[in-house]
Amino acid sequence: MGRTLPLVTLLLVCHPVEFILTASHLVLAQSGLQLKDKLPGGDITIAEALMAPTTIYVKQVLDIVSKGGVKGIAHITGGGFTDNIPRVFPEGL
């Protein structure tokens, strides 16, 4: 699917807590923070953020897709941008 995409504008939606969930080991190792510490700029601890339910965006994504114009979608996980974003680019880009 992604190999036929034209050059497009990229829209990135990243929930802060889910970023912490995805990169928790890196955040803790690089920052020196501990699970009992409050999230910088937040009212909850890192442990509470890690235990928070994951937000499911299916309804919002389906609503956007149903309006047309979506040419590709990437679910960014442990591979990060460098492993995932190229999957939606046309060959040679």
PDB file of N, CA and C in Angstrom:
ATOM      1  N   MET A   1       0.825  -1.193   0.000  1.00  0.00           N
ATOM      2  CA  MET A   1       0.000   0.000   0.000  1.00  0.00           C
ATOM      3  C   MET A   1       0.867   1.253   0.000  1.00  0.00           C
ATOM      4  N   GLY A   2       1.815   1.336   0.930  1.00  0.00           N
ATOM      5  CA  GLY A   2       2.597   2.547   1.089  1.00  0.00           C
ATOM      6  C   GLY A   2       3.536   2.848  -0.055  1.00  0.00           C
ATOM      7  N   ARG A   3       3.881   1.862  -0.854  1.00  0.00           N
ATOM      8  CA  ARG A   3       4.853   2.069  -1.926  1.00  0.00           C
ATOM      9  C   ARG A   3       4.323   2.960  -3.042  1.00  0.00           C
ATOM     10  N   THR A   4       3.026   3.203  -3.095  1.00  0.00           N
ATOM     11  CA  THR A   4       2.456   4.032  -4.156  1.00  0.00           C
ATOM     12  C   THR A   4       2.086   5.430  -3.675  1.00  0.00           C
ATOM     13  N   LEU A   5       2.459   5.776  -2.459  1.00  0.00           N
ATOM     14  CA  LEU A   5       2.085   7.077  -1.909  1.00  0.00           C
ATOM     15  C   LEU A   5       2.857   8.216  -2.550  1.00  0.00           C
ATOM     16  N   PRO A   6       2.184   9.325  -2.818  1.00  0.00           N
ATOM     17  CA  PRO A   6       2.907  10.531  -3.220  1.00  0.00           C
ATOM     18  C   PRO A   6       3.518  11.166  -1.973  1.00  0.00           C
ATOM     19  N   LEU A   7       4.348  12.165  -2.165  1.00  0.00           N
ATOM     20  CA  LEU A   7       4.891  12.894  -1.032  1.00  0.00           C
ATOM     21  C   LEU A   7       3.716  13.519  -0.280  1.00  0.00           C
ATOM     22  N   VAL A   8       3.615  13.271   1.011  1.00  0.00           N
ATOM     23  CA  VAL A   8       2.457  13.724   1.782  1.00  0.00           C
ATOM     24  C   VAL A   8       2.896  14.489   3.017  1.00  0.00           C
ATOM     25  N   THR A   9       1.939  15.186   3.608  1.00  0.00           N
ATOM     26  CA  THR A   9       2.148  15.830   4.891  1.00  0.00           C
ATOM     27  C   THR A   9       1.933  14.787   5.966  1.00  0.00           C
ATOM     28  N   LEU A  10       2.807  14.766   6.956  1.00  0.00           N
ATOM     29  CA  LEU A  10       2.740  13.781   8.025  1.00  0.00           C
ATOM     30  C   LEU A  10       2.069  14.396   9.244  1.00  0.00           C
ATOM     31  N   LEU A  11       1.070  13.713   9.770  1.00  0.00           N
ATOM     32  CA  LEU A  11       0.405  14.128  10.996  1.00  0.00           C
ATOM     33  C   LEU A  11       0.783  13.135  12.076  1.00  0.00           C
ATOM     34  N   LEU A  12       1.364  13.623  13.160  1.00  0.00           N
ATOM     35  CA  LEU A  12       1.796  12.766  14.254  1.00  0.00           C
ATOM     36  C   LEU A  12       0.979  13.096  15.490  1.00  0.00           C
ATOM     37  N   VAL A  13       0.368  12.080  16.074  1.00  0.00           N
ATOM     38  CA  VAL A  13      -0.357  12.236  17.328  1.00  0.00           C
ATOM     39  C   VAL A  13       0.343  11.356  18.344  1.00  0.00           C
ATOM     40  N   CYS A  14       0.827  11.950  19.401  1.00  0.00           N
ATOM     41  CA  CYS A  14       1.556  11.184  20.411  1.00  0.00           C
ATOM     42  C   CYS A  14       1.077  11.611  21.788  1.00  0.00           C
ATOM     43  N   HIS A  15       0.465  10.708  22.505  1.00  0.00           N
ATOM     44  CA  HIS A  15       0.005  10.969  23.860  1.00  0.00           C
ATOM     45  C   HIS A  15       1.210  10.850  24.789  1.00  0.00           C
ATOM     46  N   PRO A  16       1.466  11.842  25.661  1.00  0.00           N
ATOM     47  CA  PRO A  16       2.662  11.820  26.509  1.00  0.00           C
ATOM     48  C   PRO A  16       2.809  10.550  27.338  1.00  0.00           C
ATOM     49  N   VAL A  17       1.732  10.066  27.926  1.00  0.00           N
ATOM     50  CA  VAL A  17       1.831   8.863  28.755  1.00  0.00           C
ATOM     51  C   VAL A  17       2.216   7.670  27.896  1.00  0.00           C
ATOM     52  N   GLU A  18       1.673   7.583  26.694  1.00  0.00           N
ATOM     53  CA  GLU A  18       2.018   6.461  25.827  1.00  0.00           C
ATOM     54  C   GLU A  18       3.459   6.551  25.353  1.00  0.00           C
ATOM     55  N   PHE A  19       3.986   7.768  25.220  1.00  0.00           N
ATOM     56  CA  PHE A  19       5.403   7.905  24.896  1.00  0.00           C
ATOM     57  C   PHE A  19       6.233   7.313  26.030  1.00  0.00           C
ATOM     58  N   ILE A  20       5.862   7.620  27.258  1.00  0.00           N
ATOM     59  CA  ILE A  20       6.577   7.073  28.414  1.00  0.00           C
ATOM     60  C   ILE A  20       6.469   5.555  28.411  1.00  0.00           C
ATOM     61  N   LEU A  21       5.287   5.017  28.121  1.00  0.00           N
ATOM     62  CA  LEU A  21       5.128   3.565  28.071  1.00  0.00           C
ATOM     63  C   LEU A  21       6.041   2.942  27.027  1.00  0.00           C
ATOM     64  N   THR A  22       6.107   3.539  25.875  1.00  0.00           N
ATOM     65  CA  THR A  22       6.902   2.995  24.784  1.00  0.00           C
ATOM     66  C   THR A  22       8.389   3.073  25.086  1.00  0.00           C
ATOM     67  N   ALA A  23       8.815   4.133  25.704  1.00  0.00           N
ATOM     68  CA  ALA A  23      10.243   4.353  25.911  1.00  0.00           C
ATOM     69  C   ALA A  23      10.627   4.372  27.385  1.00  0.00           C
ATOM     70  N   SER A  24       9.872   3.689  28.243  1.00  0.00           N
ATOM     71  CA  SER A  24      10.103   3.793  29.684  1.00  0.00           C
ATOM     72  C   SER A  24      11.511   3.412  30.094  1.00  0.00           C
ATOM     73  N   HIS A  25      12.034   2.353  29.526  1.00  0.00           N
ATOM     74  CA  HIS A  25      13.386   1.949  29.912  1.00  0.00           C
ATOM     75  C   HIS A  25      14.415   3.007  29.530  1.00  0.00           C
ATOM     76  N   LEU A  26      14.242   3.644  28.388  1.00  0.00           N
ATOM     77  CA  LEU A  26      15.164   4.702  27.974  1.00  0.00           C
ATOM     78  C   LEU A  26      15.011   5.945  28.838  1.00  0.00           C
ATOM     79  N   VAL A  27      13.765   6.300  29.130  1.00  0.00           N
ATOM     80  CA  VAL A  27      13.503   7.488  29.943  1.00  0.00           C
ATOM     81  C   VAL A  27      14.151   7.338  31.311  1.00  0.00           C
ATOM     82  N   LEU A  28      13.938   6.197  31.941  1.00  0.00           N
ATOM     83  CA  LEU A  28      14.498   5.987  33.275  1.00  0.00           C
ATOM     84  C   LEU A  28      16.022   5.944  33.238  1.00  0.00           C
ATOM     85  N   ALA A  29      16.588   5.244  32.283  1.00  0.00           N
ATOM     86  CA  ALA A  29      18.043   5.124  32.203  1.00  0.00           C
ATOM     87  C   ALA A  29      18.710   6.465  31.896  1.00  0.00           C
ATOM     88  N   GLN A  30      18.155   7.224  30.974  1.00  0.00           N
ATOM     89  CA  GLN A  30      18.771   8.476  30.541  1.00  0.00           C
ATOM     90  C   GLN A  30      18.544   9.631  31.515  1.00  0.00           C
ATOM     91  N   SER A  31      17.422   9.629  32.215  1.00  0.00           N
ATOM     92  CA  SER A  31      17.062  10.779  33.040  1.00  0.00           C
ATOM     93  C   SER A  31      17.471  10.657  34.493  1.00  0.00           C
ATOM     94  N   GLY A  32      17.713   9.434  34.941  1.00  0.00           N
ATOM     95  CA  GLY A  32      17.995   9.239  36.355  1.00  0.00           C
ATOM     96  C   GLY A  32      16.738   9.263  37.213  1.00  0.00           C
ATOM     97  N   LEU A  33      15.566   9.319  36.581  1.00  0.00           N
ATOM     98  CA  LEU A  33      14.306   9.306  37.321  1.00  0.00           C
ATOM     99  C   LEU A  33      14.009   7.906  37.833  1.00  0.00           C
ATOM    100  N   GLN A  34      13.194   7.839  38.882  1.00  0.00           N
ATOM    101  CA  GLN A  34      12.753   6.564  39.433  1.00  0.00           C
ATOM    102  C   GLN A  34      11.237   6.470  39.300  1.00  0.00           C
ATOM    103  N   LEU A  35      10.710   5.257  39.420  1.00  0.00           N
ATOM    104  CA  LEU A  35       9.268   5.037  39.275  1.00  0.00           C
ATOM    105  C   LEU A  35       8.440   5.872  40.245  1.00  0.00           C
ATOM    106  N   LYS A  36       8.972   6.154  41.422  1.00  0.00           N
ATOM    107  CA  LYS A  36       8.224   6.920  42.433  1.00  0.00           C
ATOM    108  C   LYS A  36       8.228   8.424  42.165  1.00  0.00           C
ATOM    109  N   ASP A  37       9.070   8.881  41.242  1.00  0.00           N
ATOM    110  CA  ASP A  37       9.161  10.309  40.935  1.00  0.00           C
ATOM    111  C   ASP A  37       7.948  10.776  40.134  1.00  0.00           C
ATOM    112  N   LYS A  38       7.577  12.032  40.354  1.00  0.00           N
ATOM    113  CA  LYS A  38       6.498  12.637  39.564  1.00  0.00           C
ATOM    114  C   LYS A  38       7.000  12.858  38.142  1.00  0.00           C
ATOM    115  N   LEU A  39       6.100  12.705  37.180  1.00  0.00           N
ATOM    116  CA  LEU A  39       6.451  13.037  35.803  1.00  0.00           C
ATOM    117  C   LEU A  39       6.766  14.523  35.729  1.00  0.00           C
ATOM    118  N   PRO A  40       7.834  14.894  35.042  1.00  0.00           N
ATOM    119  CA  PRO A  40       8.133  16.322  34.912  1.00  0.00           C
ATOM    120  C   PRO A  40       6.931  17.070  34.341  1.00  0.00           C
ATOM    121  N   GLY A  41       6.500  18.100  35.042  1.00  0.00           N
ATOM    122  CA  GLY A  41       5.364  18.889  34.597  1.00  0.00           C
ATOM    123  C   GLY A  41       4.018  18.239  34.827  1.00  0.00           C
ATOM    124  N   GLY A  42       3.983  17.129  35.572  1.00  0.00           N
ATOM    125  CA  GLY A  42       2.726  16.416  35.780  1.00  0.00           C
ATOM    126  C   GLY A  42       2.398  16.222  37.243  1.00  0.00           C
ATOM    127  N   ASP A  43       1.230  15.645  37.488  1.00  0.00           N
ATOM    128  CA  ASP A  43       0.765  15.413  38.851  1.00  0.00           C
ATOM    129  C   ASP A  43       0.790  13.949  39.243  1.00  0.00           C
ATOM    130  N   ILE A  44       1.242  13.076  38.352  1.00  0.00           N
ATOM    131  CA  ILE A  44       1.264  11.650  38.664  1.00  0.00           C
ATOM    132  C   ILE A  44       2.695  11.133  38.610  1.00  0.00           C
ATOM    133  N   THR A  45       2.917  10.010  39.289  1.00  0.00           N
ATOM    134  CA  THR A  45       4.248   9.415  39.276  1.00  0.00           C
ATOM    135  C   THR A  45       4.474   8.655  37.971  1.00  0.00           C
ATOM    136  N   ILE A  46       5.723   8.342  37.726  1.00  0.00           N
ATOM    137  CA  ILE A  46       6.047   7.544  36.542  1.00  0.00           C
ATOM    138  C   ILE A  46       5.365   6.190  36.638  1.00  0.00           C
ATOM    139  N   ALA A  47       5.356   5.592  37.827  1.00  0.00           N
ATOM    140  CA  ALA A  47       4.689   4.295  38.013  1.00  0.00           C
ATOM    141  C   ALA A  47       3.202   4.395  37.676  1.00  0.00           C
ATOM    142  N   GLU A  48       2.534   5.465  38.125  1.00  0.00           N
ATOM    143  CA  GLU A  48       1.109   5.642  37.812  1.00  0.00           C
ATOM    144  C   GLU A  48       0.897   5.791  36.306  1.00  0.00           C
ATOM    145  N   ALA A  49       1.790   6.503  35.649  1.00  0.00           N
ATOM    146  CA  ALA A  49       1.677   6.667  34.196  1.00  0.00           C
ATOM    147  C   ALA A  49       1.839   5.329  33.489  1.00  0.00           C
ATOM    148  N   LEU A  50       2.760   4.510  33.974  1.00  0.00           N
ATOM    149  CA  LEU A  50       2.982   3.204  33.354  1.00  0.00           C
ATOM    150  C   LEU A  50       1.801   2.264  33.557  1.00  0.00           C
ATOM    151  N   MET A  51       1.037   2.472  34.607  1.00  0.00           N
ATOM    152  CA  MET A  51      -0.120   1.621  34.899  1.00  0.00           C
ATOM    153  C   MET A  51      -1.414   2.151  34.277  1.00  0.00           C
ATOM    154  N   ALA A  52      -1.370   3.343  33.708  1.00  0.00           N
ATOM    155  CA  ALA A  52      -2.575   3.934  33.111  1.00  0.00           C
ATOM    156  C   ALA A  52      -3.011   3.121  31.892  1.00  0.00           C
ATOM    157  N   PRO A  53      -4.321   2.982  31.689  1.00  0.00           N
ATOM    158  CA  PRO A  53      -4.802   2.252  30.509  1.00  0.00           C
ATOM    159  C   PRO A  53      -4.351   2.940  29.217  1.00  0.00           C
ATOM    160  N   THR A  54      -4.069   2.149  28.221  1.00  0.00           N
ATOM    161  CA  THR A  54      -3.688   2.672  26.915  1.00  0.00           C
ATOM    162  C   THR A  54      -4.908   3.296  26.240  1.00  0.00           C
ATOM    163  N   THR A  55      -4.709   4.449  25.634  1.00  0.00           N
ATOM    164  CA  THR A  55      -5.776   5.078  24.866  1.00  0.00           C
ATOM    165  C   THR A  55      -5.886   4.366  23.520  1.00  0.00           C
ATOM    166  N   ILE A  56      -7.089   3.975  23.161  1.00  0.00           N
ATOM    167  CA  ILE A  56      -7.337   3.314  21.886  1.00  0.00           C
ATOM    168  C   ILE A  56      -7.937   4.351  20.933  1.00  0.00           C
ATOM    169  N   TYR A  57      -7.302   4.541  19.796  1.00  0.00           N
ATOM    170  CA  TYR A  57      -7.698   5.584  18.854  1.00  0.00           C
ATOM    171  C   TYR A  57      -8.482   5.063  17.659  1.00  0.00           C
ATOM    172  N   VAL A  58      -9.018   3.857  17.720  1.00  0.00           N
ATOM    173  CA  VAL A  58      -9.691   3.254  16.566  1.00  0.00           C
ATOM    174  C   VAL A  58     -10.832   4.128  16.055  1.00  0.00           C
ATOM    175  N   LYS A  59     -11.704   4.599  16.925  1.00  0.00           N
ATOM    176  CA  LYS A  59     -12.854   5.393  16.478  1.00  0.00           C
ATOM    177  C   LYS A  59     -12.411   6.668  15.768  1.00  0.00           C
ATOM    178  N   GLN A  60     -11.416   7.358  16.340  1.00  0.00           N
ATOM    179  CA  GLN A  60     -10.936   8.592  15.727  1.00  0.00           C
ATOM    180  C   GLN A  60     -10.291   8.316  14.369  1.00  0.00           C
ATOM    181  N   VAL A  61      -9.494   7.253  14.289  1.00  0.00           N
ATOM    182  CA  VAL A  61      -8.831   6.917  13.029  1.00  0.00           C
ATOM    183  C   VAL A  61      -9.856   6.520  11.971  1.00  0.00           C
ATOM    184  N   LEU A  62     -10.830   5.692  12.339  1.00  0.00           N
ATOM    185  CA  LEU A  62     -11.858   5.290  11.379  1.00  0.00           C
ATOM    186  C   LEU A  62     -12.666   6.486  10.890  1.00  0.00           C
ATOM    187  N   ASP A  63     -12.922   7.437  11.776  1.00  0.00           N
ATOM    188  CA  ASP A  63     -13.645   8.643  11.381  1.00  0.00           C
ATOM    189  C   ASP A  63     -12.853   9.420  10.336  1.00  0.00           C
ATOM    190  N   ILE A  64     -11.562   9.567  10.561  1.00  0.00           N
ATOM    191  CA  ILE A  64     -10.706  10.284   9.612  1.00  0.00           C
ATOM    192  C   ILE A  64     -10.627   9.530   8.288  1.00  0.00           C
ATOM    193  N   VAL A  65     -10.417   8.214   8.338  1.00  0.00           N
ATOM    194  CA  VAL A  65     -10.306   7.394   7.127  1.00  0.00           C
ATOM    195  C   VAL A  65     -11.598   7.442   6.320  1.00  0.00           C
ATOM    196  N   SER A  66     -12.743   7.428   7.002  1.00  0.00           N
ATOM    197  CA  SER A  66     -14.031   7.419   6.298  1.00  0.00           C
ATOM    198  C   SER A  66     -14.274   8.697   5.503  1.00  0.00           C
ATOM    199  N   LYS A  67     -13.587   9.774   5.851  1.00  0.00           N
ATOM    200  CA  LYS A  67     -13.746  11.046   5.139  1.00  0.00           C
ATOM    201  C   LYS A  67     -12.886  11.106   3.880  1.00  0.00           C
ATOM    202  N   GLY A  68     -12.057  10.095   3.677  1.00  0.00           N
ATOM    203  CA  GLY A  68     -11.235  10.022   2.467  1.00  0.00           C
ATOM    204  C   GLY A  68      -9.929  10.775   2.586  1.00  0.00           C
ATOM    205  N   GLY A  69      -9.043  10.469   1.676  1.00  0.00           N
ATOM    206  CA  GLY A  69      -7.775  11.186   1.606  1.00  0.00           C
ATOM    207  C   GLY A  69      -6.621  10.528   2.337  1.00  0.00           C
ATOM    208  N   VAL A  70      -6.894   9.555   3.195  1.00  0.00           N
ATOM    209  CA  VAL A  70      -5.811   8.876   3.907  1.00  0.00           C
ATOM    210  C   VAL A  70      -5.153   7.900   2.944  1.00  0.00           C
ATOM    211  N   LYS A  71      -3.842   8.030   2.791  1.00  0.00           N
ATOM    212  CA  LYS A  71      -3.097   7.194   1.850  1.00  0.00           C
ATOM    213  C   LYS A  71      -2.225   6.166   2.553  1.00  0.00           C
ATOM    214  N   GLY A  72      -2.007   6.333   3.847  1.00  0.00           N
ATOM    215  CA  GLY A  72      -1.180   5.386   4.580  1.00  0.00           C
ATOM    216  C   GLY A  72      -1.228   5.681   6.062  1.00  0.00           C
ATOM    217  N   ILE A  73      -1.018   4.654   6.843  1.00  0.00           N
ATOM    218  CA  ILE A  73      -1.017   4.777   8.295  1.00  0.00           C
ATOM    219  C   ILE A  73       0.143   3.951   8.822  1.00  0.00           C
ATOM    220  N   ALA A  74       0.863   4.483   9.795  1.00  0.00           N
ATOM    221  CA  ALA A  74       1.950   3.738  10.430  1.00  0.00           C
ATOM    222  C   ALA A  74       1.721   3.725  11.931  1.00  0.00           C
ATOM    223  N   HIS A  75       1.811   2.564  12.530  1.00  0.00           N
ATOM    224  CA  HIS A  75       1.735   2.416  13.978  1.00  0.00           C
ATOM    225  C   HIS A  75       3.168   2.359  14.480  1.00  0.00           C
ATOM    226  N   ILE A  76       3.605   3.433  15.121  1.00  0.00           N
ATOM    227  CA  ILE A  76       4.996   3.532  15.544  1.00  0.00           C
ATOM    228  C   ILE A  76       5.157   2.824  16.884  1.00  0.00           C
ATOM    229  N   THR A  77       6.008   1.811  16.892  1.00  0.00           N
ATOM    230  CA  THR A  77       6.241   1.019  18.104  1.00  0.00           C
ATOM    231  C   THR A  77       7.724   1.039  18.438  1.00  0.00           C
ATOM    232  N   GLY A  78       8.216  -0.047  18.970  1.00  0.00           N
ATOM    233  CA  GLY A  78       9.601  -0.132  19.424  1.00  0.00           C
ATOM    234  C   GLY A  78      10.645   0.214  18.378  1.00  0.00           C
ATOM    235  N   GLY A  79      10.342   0.045  17.102  1.00  0.00           N
ATOM    236  CA  GLY A  79      11.317   0.375  16.072  1.00  0.00           C
ATOM    237  C   GLY A  79      11.485   1.860  15.848  1.00  0.00           C
ATOM    238  N   GLY A  80      10.569   2.644  16.395  1.00  0.00           N
ATOM    239  CA  GLY A  80      10.650   4.091  16.259  1.00  0.00           C
ATOM    240  C   GLY A  80      10.458   4.564  14.831  1.00  0.00           C
ATOM    241  N   PHE A  81      10.787   5.831  14.620  1.00  0.00           N
ATOM    242  CA  PHE A  81      10.596   6.436  13.309  1.00  0.00           C
ATOM    243  C   PHE A  81      11.458   5.779  12.239  1.00  0.00           C
ATOM    244  N   THR A  82      12.718   5.503  12.562  1.00  0.00           N
ATOM    245  CA  THR A  82      13.630   5.026  11.522  1.00  0.00           C
ATOM    246  C   THR A  82      13.220   3.679  10.955  1.00  0.00           C
ATOM    247  N   ASP A  83      12.574   2.832  11.738  1.00  0.00           N
ATOM    248  CA  ASP A  83      12.141   1.527  11.242  1.00  0.00           C
ATOM    249  C   ASP A  83      10.717   1.533  10.693  1.00  0.00           C
ATOM    250  N   ASN A  84       9.874   2.459  11.154  1.00  0.00           N
ATOM    251  CA  ASN A  84       8.457   2.412  10.800  1.00  0.00           C
ATOM    252  C   ASN A  84       8.022   3.405   9.729  1.00  0.00           C
ATOM    253  N   ILE A  85       8.450   4.644   9.814  1.00  0.00           N
ATOM    254  CA  ILE A  85       8.006   5.662   8.862  1.00  0.00           C
ATOM    255  C   ILE A  85       8.357   5.290   7.418  1.00  0.00           C
ATOM    256  N   PRO A  86       9.551   4.752   7.128  1.00  0.00           N
ATOM    257  CA  PRO A  86       9.853   4.403   5.730  1.00  0.00           C
ATOM    258  C   PRO A  86       8.872   3.415   5.099  1.00  0.00           C
ATOM    259  N   ARG A  87       8.132   2.682   5.886  1.00  0.00           N
ATOM    260  CA  ARG A  87       7.172   1.719   5.341  1.00  0.00           C
ATOM    261  C   ARG A  87       6.053   2.386   4.545  1.00  0.00           C
ATOM    262  N   VAL A  88       5.781   3.664   4.809  1.00  0.00           N
ATOM    263  CA  VAL A  88       4.707   4.343   4.080  1.00  0.00           C
ATOM    264  C   VAL A  88       5.227   5.234   2.965  1.00  0.00           C
ATOM    265  N   PHE A  89       6.548   5.307   2.785  1.00  0.00           N
ATOM    266  CA  PHE A  89       7.126   6.119   1.715  1.00  0.00           C
ATOM    267  C   PHE A  89       7.183   5.332   0.416  1.00  0.00           C
ATOM    268  N   PRO A  90       7.057   6.024  -0.717  1.00  0.00           N
ATOM    269  CA  PRO A  90       7.230   5.349  -2.004  1.00  0.00           C
ATOM    270  C   PRO A  90       8.671   4.859  -2.150  1.00  0.00           C
ATOM    271  N   GLU A  91       8.876   3.822  -2.945  1.00  0.00           N
ATOM    272  CA  GLU A  91      10.228   3.328  -3.196  1.00  0.00           C
ATOM    273  C   GLU A  91      11.075   4.443  -3.787  1.00  0.00           C
ATOM    274  N   GLY A  92      12.322   4.504  -3.341  1.00  0.00           N
ATOM    275  CA  GLY A  92      13.256   5.495  -3.861  1.00  0.00           C
ATOM    276  C   GLY A  92      13.234   6.821  -3.136  1.00  0.00           C
ATOM    277  N   LEU A  93      12.309   7.023  -2.221  1.00  0.00           N
ATOM    278  CA  LEU A  93      12.238   8.294  -1.493  1.00  0.00           C
ATOM    279  C   LEU A  93      13.066   8.206  -0.243  1.00  0.00           C
TER     280      LEU A  93
END
